[in-house]
Protein backbone atom coordinates (compact mmCIF):
# COMPACT_ATOMS: atom_id res chain seq x y z
CA MET A 1 79.00 105.62 87.55
CA LYS A 2 82.49 107.04 88.13
CA VAL A 3 84.13 105.73 91.30
CA VAL A 4 87.26 106.67 93.25
CA SER A 5 88.54 104.04 95.67
CA LEU A 6 90.77 105.10 98.56
CA VAL A 7 91.25 101.50 99.76
CA PRO A 8 93.48 98.88 98.07
CA SER A 9 91.35 95.86 98.95
CA ILE A 10 88.16 97.62 97.85
CA THR A 11 89.74 98.56 94.52
CA GLU A 12 90.54 94.88 93.98
CA ALA A 13 87.00 93.91 94.98
CA LEU A 14 85.43 96.36 92.53
CA PHE A 15 87.39 94.88 89.64
CA ASP A 16 86.58 91.35 90.83
CA LEU A 17 82.88 92.24 90.85
CA GLY A 18 83.18 93.25 87.21
CA LEU A 19 83.71 97.00 87.18
CA THR A 20 86.06 98.39 84.53
CA GLU A 21 88.74 101.07 84.26
CA HIS A 22 86.06 103.34 82.76
CA GLU A 23 84.07 103.15 86.01
CA ILE A 24 86.97 103.08 88.51
CA VAL A 25 88.56 106.42 87.66
CA GLY A 26 90.80 106.96 90.72
CA ARG A 27 92.83 104.82 93.14
CA THR A 28 95.69 105.06 95.64
CA LYS A 29 99.28 104.12 94.84
CA PHE A 30 98.83 101.09 97.12
CA CYS A 31 95.96 99.74 95.00
CA ILE A 32 98.06 97.12 93.18
CA HIS A 33 95.51 94.41 92.30
CA PRO A 34 94.62 93.46 89.59
CA GLU A 35 97.91 94.73 88.19
CA GLU A 36 96.91 94.71 84.51
CA LYS A 37 93.85 96.87 85.20
CA VAL A 38 94.88 99.29 87.96
CA LYS A 39 97.76 100.57 85.83
CA ASN A 40 95.17 102.37 83.69
CA VAL A 41 93.55 104.13 86.67
CA THR A 42 94.61 107.59 87.87
CA ILE A 43 96.60 107.62 91.14
CA ILE A 44 95.23 110.14 93.64
CA GLY A 45 97.94 109.79 96.31
CA GLY A 46 98.31 107.31 99.17
CA THR A 47 95.73 106.04 101.64
CA LYS A 48 96.92 108.56 104.25
CA ASN A 49 97.79 111.47 101.95
CA ILE A 50 94.98 111.90 99.45
CA ASN A 51 95.32 114.55 96.75
CA ILE A 52 91.92 116.21 96.99
CA ASP A 53 92.47 118.43 93.93
CA LYS A 54 93.16 115.36 91.78
CA ILE A 55 89.95 113.76 93.01
CA LYS A 56 87.97 116.93 92.30
CA ALA A 57 89.31 116.95 88.75
CA LEU A 58 87.98 113.41 88.24
CA GLN A 59 84.46 114.45 89.36
CA PRO A 60 83.48 111.02 90.73
CA ASP A 61 79.89 110.04 91.47
CA LEU A 62 81.04 107.99 94.46
CA ILE A 63 84.12 107.76 96.68
CA LEU A 64 84.79 104.65 98.75
CA ALA A 65 86.85 105.10 101.92
CA ASN A 66 87.65 103.12 105.06
CA LYS A 67 87.59 104.14 108.72
CA GLU A 68 90.98 102.64 109.53
CA GLU A 69 92.91 103.14 106.31
CA ASN A 70 92.06 106.75 105.55
CA ILE A 71 92.46 110.00 107.50
CA LYS A 72 89.17 111.23 108.93
CA GLU A 73 89.77 114.92 108.14
CA GLN A 74 90.67 114.19 104.51
CA VAL A 75 87.56 112.05 104.02
CA GLU A 76 85.35 114.69 105.62
CA ALA A 77 86.79 117.31 103.26
CA LEU A 78 85.70 115.17 100.32
CA MET A 79 82.20 114.87 101.78
CA ASP A 80 81.68 118.58 101.17
CA ASP A 81 81.61 117.98 97.42
CA PHE A 82 81.02 114.28 96.81
CA LYS A 83 79.05 111.26 97.94
CA VAL A 84 81.40 109.26 100.18
CA ILE A 85 80.80 105.83 101.70
CA VAL A 86 83.07 105.05 104.68
CA THR A 87 83.48 101.32 105.27
CA ASN A 88 84.57 99.60 108.49
CA VAL A 89 85.60 95.95 108.25
CA GLU A 90 86.66 94.30 111.52
CA ASN A 91 85.60 90.69 110.96
CA ILE A 92 84.26 88.19 108.41
CA GLU A 93 80.65 89.22 109.01
CA ASP A 94 81.56 92.84 108.25
CA ASN A 95 83.30 91.65 105.11
CA TYR A 96 80.20 89.70 104.06
CA TYR A 97 78.10 92.85 104.28
CA LEU A 98 80.77 94.94 102.55
CA LEU A 99 80.63 92.70 99.48
CA LYS A 100 76.85 92.41 99.69
CA ASN A 101 76.50 96.19 99.76
CA LEU A 102 78.99 96.71 96.93
CA GLY A 103 77.03 94.15 94.93
CA LYS A 104 73.83 96.07 95.57
CA ILE A 105 75.35 99.48 94.69
CA PHE A 106 76.80 98.30 91.38
CA ASN A 107 74.14 95.73 90.48
CA LYS A 108 76.60 92.83 90.92
CA GLU A 109 74.76 91.00 93.70
CA ASP A 110 75.11 87.49 92.29
CA ARG A 111 78.85 87.87 91.79
CA ALA A 112 79.28 89.32 95.29
CA GLN A 113 77.44 86.34 96.78
CA LEU A 114 79.71 83.90 94.92
CA PHE A 115 82.77 85.59 96.45
CA ASN A 116 81.21 85.51 99.92
CA LEU A 117 80.49 81.80 99.64
CA LYS A 118 84.03 81.13 98.42
CA ILE A 119 85.54 83.05 101.34
CA TYR A 120 83.62 80.95 103.86
CA GLU A 121 84.70 77.80 102.03
CA VAL A 122 88.38 78.81 101.98
CA LEU A 123 88.46 79.67 105.69
CA ASN A 124 86.50 76.56 106.67
CA GLU A 125 88.95 74.32 104.84
CA ALA A 126 91.91 76.12 106.42
CA LYS A 127 91.03 75.32 110.04
CA VAL A 128 93.84 73.84 112.15
CA ASN A 129 91.45 72.38 114.75
CA SER A 130 93.74 73.21 117.67
CA ASP A 131 94.65 76.12 119.90
CA ILE A 132 98.14 76.74 118.62
CA LYS A 133 99.44 79.92 120.23
CA VAL A 134 100.71 82.42 117.68
CA ALA A 135 102.24 85.86 117.46
CA TYR A 136 101.70 87.78 114.22
CA LEU A 137 104.25 90.55 113.61
CA ILE A 138 103.52 93.39 111.20
CA TRP A 139 106.50 95.69 111.90
CA LYS A 140 110.13 95.78 112.99
CA ASN A 141 112.07 98.44 114.92
CA PRO A 142 109.99 98.39 116.97
CA TYR A 143 108.28 95.03 116.69
CA MET A 144 104.52 95.50 116.36
CA THR A 145 101.79 92.89 116.51
CA VAL A 146 97.98 92.71 116.25
CA GLY A 147 95.38 93.01 118.99
CA SER A 148 91.93 91.48 119.22
CA ASP A 149 90.09 94.31 117.47
CA THR A 150 91.83 93.82 114.11
CA PHE A 151 90.81 91.97 110.96
CA ILE A 152 94.04 89.94 111.09
CA HIS A 153 93.20 88.69 114.60
CA LYS A 154 89.74 87.66 113.42
CA ILE A 155 91.21 85.66 110.52
CA LEU A 156 93.68 83.92 112.84
CA ALA A 157 90.84 83.04 115.23
CA GLU A 158 88.60 81.91 112.37
CA ILE A 159 91.25 79.41 111.31
CA GLY A 160 91.75 78.16 114.86
CA PHE A 161 94.83 79.95 116.20
CA GLU A 162 95.11 81.63 119.58
CA ASN A 163 96.68 85.08 119.35
CA ILE A 164 98.91 85.50 122.43
CA PHE A 165 98.22 89.24 122.26
CA LYS A 166 94.43 88.90 122.29
CA ASP A 167 94.30 91.00 125.46
CA LYS A 168 95.76 93.94 123.50
CA THR A 169 94.05 96.28 121.03
CA ARG A 170 95.04 97.69 117.64
CA TYR A 171 98.76 97.33 116.81
CA PRO A 172 100.81 97.37 120.02
CA GLU A 173 104.58 97.60 120.22
CA ILE A 174 106.21 94.56 121.82
CA GLN A 175 109.65 93.34 122.87
CA THR A 176 111.37 90.16 121.73
CA GLU A 177 110.86 88.58 125.16
CA ASP A 178 107.10 89.08 124.84
CA LEU A 179 107.07 86.33 122.18
CA ALA A 180 108.03 83.59 124.64
CA LYS A 181 104.55 82.05 124.88
CA ALA A 182 104.05 81.69 121.12
CA ASP A 183 104.23 78.24 119.51
CA ILE A 184 104.57 79.92 116.11
CA ILE A 185 105.87 83.39 115.29
CA MET A 186 104.43 84.66 112.01
CA LEU A 187 106.27 87.43 110.17
CA SER A 188 103.99 89.21 107.73
CA SER A 189 105.16 90.15 104.24
CA GLU A 190 103.47 93.54 104.70
CA PRO A 191 103.39 96.34 105.75
CA PHE A 192 106.96 95.60 106.87
CA PRO A 193 108.60 93.32 104.28
CA PHE A 194 109.89 90.59 106.58
CA LYS A 195 112.48 88.29 104.93
CA GLU A 196 114.39 85.11 105.79
CA LYS A 197 117.12 87.15 107.50
CA HIS A 198 114.56 88.33 110.04
CA ILE A 199 113.70 84.72 110.83
CA GLU A 200 117.38 84.12 111.59
CA GLU A 201 117.47 87.15 113.90
CA LEU A 202 114.59 85.80 115.97
CA LYS A 203 116.04 82.28 115.90
CA GLU A 204 118.92 83.62 117.99
CA PHE A 205 116.41 84.23 120.79
CA TYR A 206 114.06 81.31 120.07
CA PRO A 207 116.02 78.54 118.29
CA ASP A 208 113.32 75.92 118.89
CA LYS A 209 110.26 77.90 117.82
CA LYS A 210 108.56 77.68 114.44
CA ILE A 211 109.13 81.08 112.80
CA MET A 212 107.67 81.63 109.34
CA ILE A 213 107.00 84.30 106.73
CA VAL A 214 103.29 84.62 105.94
CA ASP A 215 101.44 86.37 103.12
CA GLY A 216 100.24 89.60 104.67
CA GLU A 217 97.63 90.14 101.96
CA ALA A 218 95.99 86.78 102.71
CA PHE A 219 95.47 87.79 106.34
CA SER A 220 94.75 91.50 106.10
CA TRP A 221 93.09 92.25 102.74
CA TYR A 222 89.33 92.11 103.16
CA GLY A 223 86.95 92.32 100.20
CA THR A 224 87.36 89.50 97.68
CA HIS A 225 91.03 88.69 98.29
CA ILE A 226 90.65 85.71 100.63
CA ALA A 227 88.48 83.95 98.02
CA LYS A 228 91.59 83.76 95.83
CA CYS A 229 93.89 82.44 98.56
CA GLU A 230 92.64 78.84 98.62
CA ASN A 231 95.94 77.29 97.50
CA TYR A 232 97.98 79.59 99.73
CA PHE A 233 96.01 78.65 102.85
CA LYS A 234 96.24 74.94 102.02
CA GLU A 235 100.03 75.18 101.80
CA PHE A 236 100.17 77.38 104.89
CA ILE A 237 98.13 74.96 107.01
CA SER A 238 100.17 72.03 105.70
CA GLU A 239 103.36 73.77 106.86
CA VAL A 240 101.83 74.50 110.27
CA ARG A 241 100.74 70.89 110.74
CA SER A 242 104.20 69.60 109.80
CA ALA A 243 105.82 71.76 112.50
CA LYS A 244 106.80 69.99 115.70
CA ILE A 245 104.79 71.95 118.25
């Protein structure tokens, strides 16, 4: 079966489940994992600007898309000629069924179940067992955060954090003063590449708060990615616990 993936985390999951470059024939430029394998797969544009002609030339048997990451009109255009599955992953339960379904489609059910079990184990071990109030920033100029209907929010809640913007939806713009109630301000490494200098900028407003860079992939990439973040989450939780909150 020839597959085109329009979603970075799904591309990674397909390789993790055991598919090869001969089966995954197309991917977006943001599909970067696993690096040594995706480099051999044809790039068909970005997640928001798919090159439909390139996809048609590949003649895939199946295209995998995502409700949030891809443009509806572009996906619908592909449906005229190809079988397209549109995924929608908002929480850990959705992720469980995503992997289960991918396992069923590609006859990799046992491997999919192993990844699902590992994800539950990783998140269970990462619990902070307290209601530490956090703000998770994904963008700068303007600052943007995450609302309650996002996968990132669900991961934060799963670990035991309280998102101070849980009354918001999607990715709202906020002001610096809106961060006042947070015990910890988390600056994601993606999509905006927050660096140490951005910590210093916020420290001018909140010198006593814990402000830290976090691995955006660990919090936002669904599929199999969290299963491989065990060591990261252990170090992350250790740093949180050592903070004087």
